Amino acid sequence: MKNQKETPKEHVSEPDGKPLVIGSFSGFNEQMRFTKLLTIATIYQSDYDWDPEIKTMVKMHCNQEASRLGFPKGWQSVGYYEGLKSWFLENCR
């Protein structure tokens, strides 16, 4: 049994071993950076039946994490995938 962590590059790859990259992104690292933002934004935009205090704390944590990762403000107002992707490509390259 292997004791190594499987990285996304190893998990999602073409037959020749190169990581899959969607054409909009300049490379695997940029695509992974967008994936992180998409994860944060999805949680931020979720509207579950959470207690109001928990919703506030979740939004605060999402903002802190996005800031820590160096994303500029503005991603919070984009509520759909294609819009967030366009915003990312314009503001985070």
C-alpha atoms as a PDB file:
ATOM      1  CA  MET A   1       0.000   0.000   0.000  1.00  0.00           C
ATOM      2  CA  LYS A   2       1.347   3.416  -0.965  1.00  0.00           C
ATOM      3  CA  ASN A   3       1.697   6.030   1.701  1.00  0.00           C
ATOM      4  CA  GLN A   4       1.865   8.953  -0.735  1.00  0.00           C
ATOM      5  CA  LYS A   5      -0.761  11.653  -1.141  1.00  0.00           C
ATOM      6  CA  GLU A   6      -2.437  11.701  -4.531  1.00  0.00           C
ATOM      7  CA  THR A   7      -2.239  15.167  -6.044  1.00  0.00           C
ATOM      8  CA  PRO A   8      -4.837  16.594  -8.430  1.00  0.00           C
ATOM      9  CA  LYS A   9      -2.224  16.420 -11.212  1.00  0.00           C
ATOM     10  CA  GLU A  10      -1.977  12.662 -10.733  1.00  0.00           C
ATOM     11  CA  HIS A  11      -5.711  12.238 -10.385  1.00  0.00           C
ATOM     12  CA  VAL A  12      -6.964  14.193 -13.417  1.00  0.00           C
ATOM     13  CA  SER A  13      -4.690  13.702 -16.375  1.00  0.00           C
ATOM     14  CA  GLU A  14      -4.578  12.942 -20.052  1.00  0.00           C
ATOM     15  CA  PRO A  15      -3.363   9.517 -21.234  1.00  0.00           C
ATOM     16  CA  ASP A  16       0.181  10.882 -21.670  1.00  0.00           C
ATOM     17  CA  GLY A  17       0.226  11.943 -18.000  1.00  0.00           C
ATOM     18  CA  LYS A  18      -0.145  15.682 -18.552  1.00  0.00           C
ATOM     19  CA  PRO A  19      -2.759  17.350 -16.319  1.00  0.00           C
ATOM     20  CA  LEU A  20      -6.046  18.330 -17.959  1.00  0.00           C
ATOM     21  CA  VAL A  21      -6.366  22.078 -18.451  1.00  0.00           C
ATOM     22  CA  ILE A  22      -9.449  23.846 -19.758  1.00  0.00           C
ATOM     23  CA  GLY A  23      -8.559  26.107 -22.698  1.00  0.00           C
ATOM     24  CA  SER A  24      -9.409  29.352 -20.875  1.00  0.00           C
ATOM     25  CA  PHE A  25      -6.602  28.915 -18.371  1.00  0.00           C
ATOM     26  CA  SER A  26      -2.923  29.459 -19.048  1.00  0.00           C
ATOM     27  CA  GLY A  27      -1.928  26.341 -17.161  1.00  0.00           C
ATOM     28  CA  PHE A  28      -2.664  23.875 -14.422  1.00  0.00           C
ATOM     29  CA  ASN A  29      -1.701  26.244 -11.579  1.00  0.00           C
ATOM     30  CA  GLU A  30      -4.044  28.980 -12.802  1.00  0.00           C
ATOM     31  CA  GLN A  31      -6.838  26.432 -13.157  1.00  0.00           C
ATOM     32  CA  MET A  32      -6.212  25.180  -9.595  1.00  0.00           C
ATOM     33  CA  ARG A  33      -6.262  28.776  -8.324  1.00  0.00           C
ATOM     34  CA  PHE A  34      -9.663  29.290  -9.963  1.00  0.00           C
ATOM     35  CA  THR A  35     -10.865  26.026  -8.429  1.00  0.00           C
ATOM     36  CA  LYS A  36      -9.996  27.374  -4.975  1.00  0.00           C
ATOM     37  CA  LEU A  37     -11.906  30.585  -5.658  1.00  0.00           C
ATOM     38  CA  LEU A  38     -14.875  28.638  -7.017  1.00  0.00           C
ATOM     39  CA  THR A  39     -14.965  26.551  -3.840  1.00  0.00           C
ATOM     40  CA  ILE A  40     -14.905  29.640  -1.631  1.00  0.00           C
ATOM     41  CA  ALA A  41     -17.516  31.455  -3.744  1.00  0.00           C
ATOM     42  CA  THR A  42     -19.835  28.442  -3.787  1.00  0.00           C
ATOM     43  CA  ILE A  43     -19.855  28.280  -0.009  1.00  0.00           C
ATOM     44  CA  TYR A  44     -20.164  32.073   0.254  1.00  0.00           C
ATOM     45  CA  GLN A  45     -23.185  32.148  -2.074  1.00  0.00           C
ATOM     46  CA  SER A  46     -24.940  29.155  -0.507  1.00  0.00           C
ATOM     47  CA  ASP A  47     -28.243  29.945   1.127  1.00  0.00           C
ATOM     48  CA  TYR A  48     -28.958  27.077   3.443  1.00  0.00           C
ATOM     49  CA  ASP A  49     -31.236  27.247   6.459  1.00  0.00           C
ATOM     50  CA  TRP A  50     -28.299  28.015   8.706  1.00  0.00           C
ATOM     51  CA  ASP A  51     -28.589  30.149  11.802  1.00  0.00           C
ATOM     52  CA  PRO A  52     -27.955  33.802  10.890  1.00  0.00           C
ATOM     53  CA  GLU A  53     -24.889  33.921  13.138  1.00  0.00           C
ATOM     54  CA  ILE A  54     -23.396  30.892  11.377  1.00  0.00           C
ATOM     55  CA  LYS A  55     -24.085  32.393   7.929  1.00  0.00           C
ATOM     56  CA  THR A  56     -22.278  35.558   9.019  1.00  0.00           C
ATOM     57  CA  MET A  57     -19.298  33.597  10.325  1.00  0.00           C
ATOM     58  CA  VAL A  58     -19.126  31.474   7.149  1.00  0.00           C
ATOM     59  CA  LYS A  59     -19.117  34.607   4.975  1.00  0.00           C
ATOM     60  CA  MET A  60     -16.418  36.159   7.177  1.00  0.00           C
ATOM     61  CA  HIS A  61     -14.308  33.005   6.891  1.00  0.00           C
ATOM     62  CA  CYS A  62     -14.745  32.899   3.103  1.00  0.00           C
ATOM     63  CA  ASN A  63     -13.619  36.534   2.849  1.00  0.00           C
ATOM     64  CA  GLN A  64     -10.604  35.845   5.070  1.00  0.00           C
ATOM     65  CA  GLU A  65      -9.612  32.783   3.049  1.00  0.00           C
ATOM     66  CA  ALA A  66      -9.986  34.604  -0.280  1.00  0.00           C
ATOM     67  CA  SER A  67      -7.916  37.476   1.071  1.00  0.00           C
ATOM     68  CA  ARG A  68      -5.262  35.082   2.380  1.00  0.00           C
ATOM     69  CA  LEU A  69      -5.027  33.529  -1.082  1.00  0.00           C
ATOM     70  CA  GLY A  70      -4.629  36.981  -2.643  1.00  0.00           C
ATOM     71  CA  PHE A  71      -7.926  37.298  -4.481  1.00  0.00           C
ATOM     72  CA  PRO A  72      -9.010  40.929  -4.972  1.00  0.00           C
ATOM     73  CA  LYS A  73     -12.403  42.064  -3.736  1.00  0.00           C
ATOM     74  CA  GLY A  74     -15.323  41.688  -6.102  1.00  0.00           C
ATOM     75  CA  TRP A  75     -15.701  37.914  -6.345  1.00  0.00           C
ATOM     76  CA  GLN A  76     -18.438  38.054  -3.675  1.00  0.00           C
ATOM     77  CA  SER A  77     -20.885  39.742  -6.035  1.00  0.00           C
ATOM     78  CA  VAL A  78     -20.595  37.131  -8.807  1.00  0.00           C
ATOM     79  CA  GLY A  79     -23.188  34.423  -8.286  1.00  0.00           C
ATOM     80  CA  TYR A  80     -22.768  32.086 -11.258  1.00  0.00           C
ATOM     81  CA  TYR A  81     -19.962  29.939 -12.700  1.00  0.00           C
ATOM     82  CA  GLU A  82     -19.341  31.628 -16.054  1.00  0.00           C
ATOM     83  CA  GLY A  83     -19.459  35.072 -14.448  1.00  0.00           C
ATOM     84  CA  LEU A  84     -16.944  34.068 -11.778  1.00  0.00           C
ATOM     85  CA  LYS A  85     -14.694  32.503 -14.388  1.00  0.00           C
ATOM     86  CA  SER A  86     -14.768  35.685 -16.489  1.00  0.00           C
ATOM     87  CA  TRP A  87     -14.157  37.820 -13.401  1.00  0.00           C
ATOM     88  CA  PHE A  88     -11.207  35.603 -12.422  1.00  0.00           C
ATOM     89  CA  LEU A  89      -9.633  35.759 -15.878  1.00  0.00           C
ATOM     90  CA  GLU A  90      -9.933  39.564 -15.919  1.00  0.00           C
ATOM     91  CA  ASN A  91      -8.791  40.232 -12.351  1.00  0.00           C
ATOM     92  CA  CYS A  92      -6.472  37.445 -11.251  1.00  0.00           C
ATOM     93  CA  ARG A  93      -3.952  36.913 -14.021  1.00  0.00           C
END
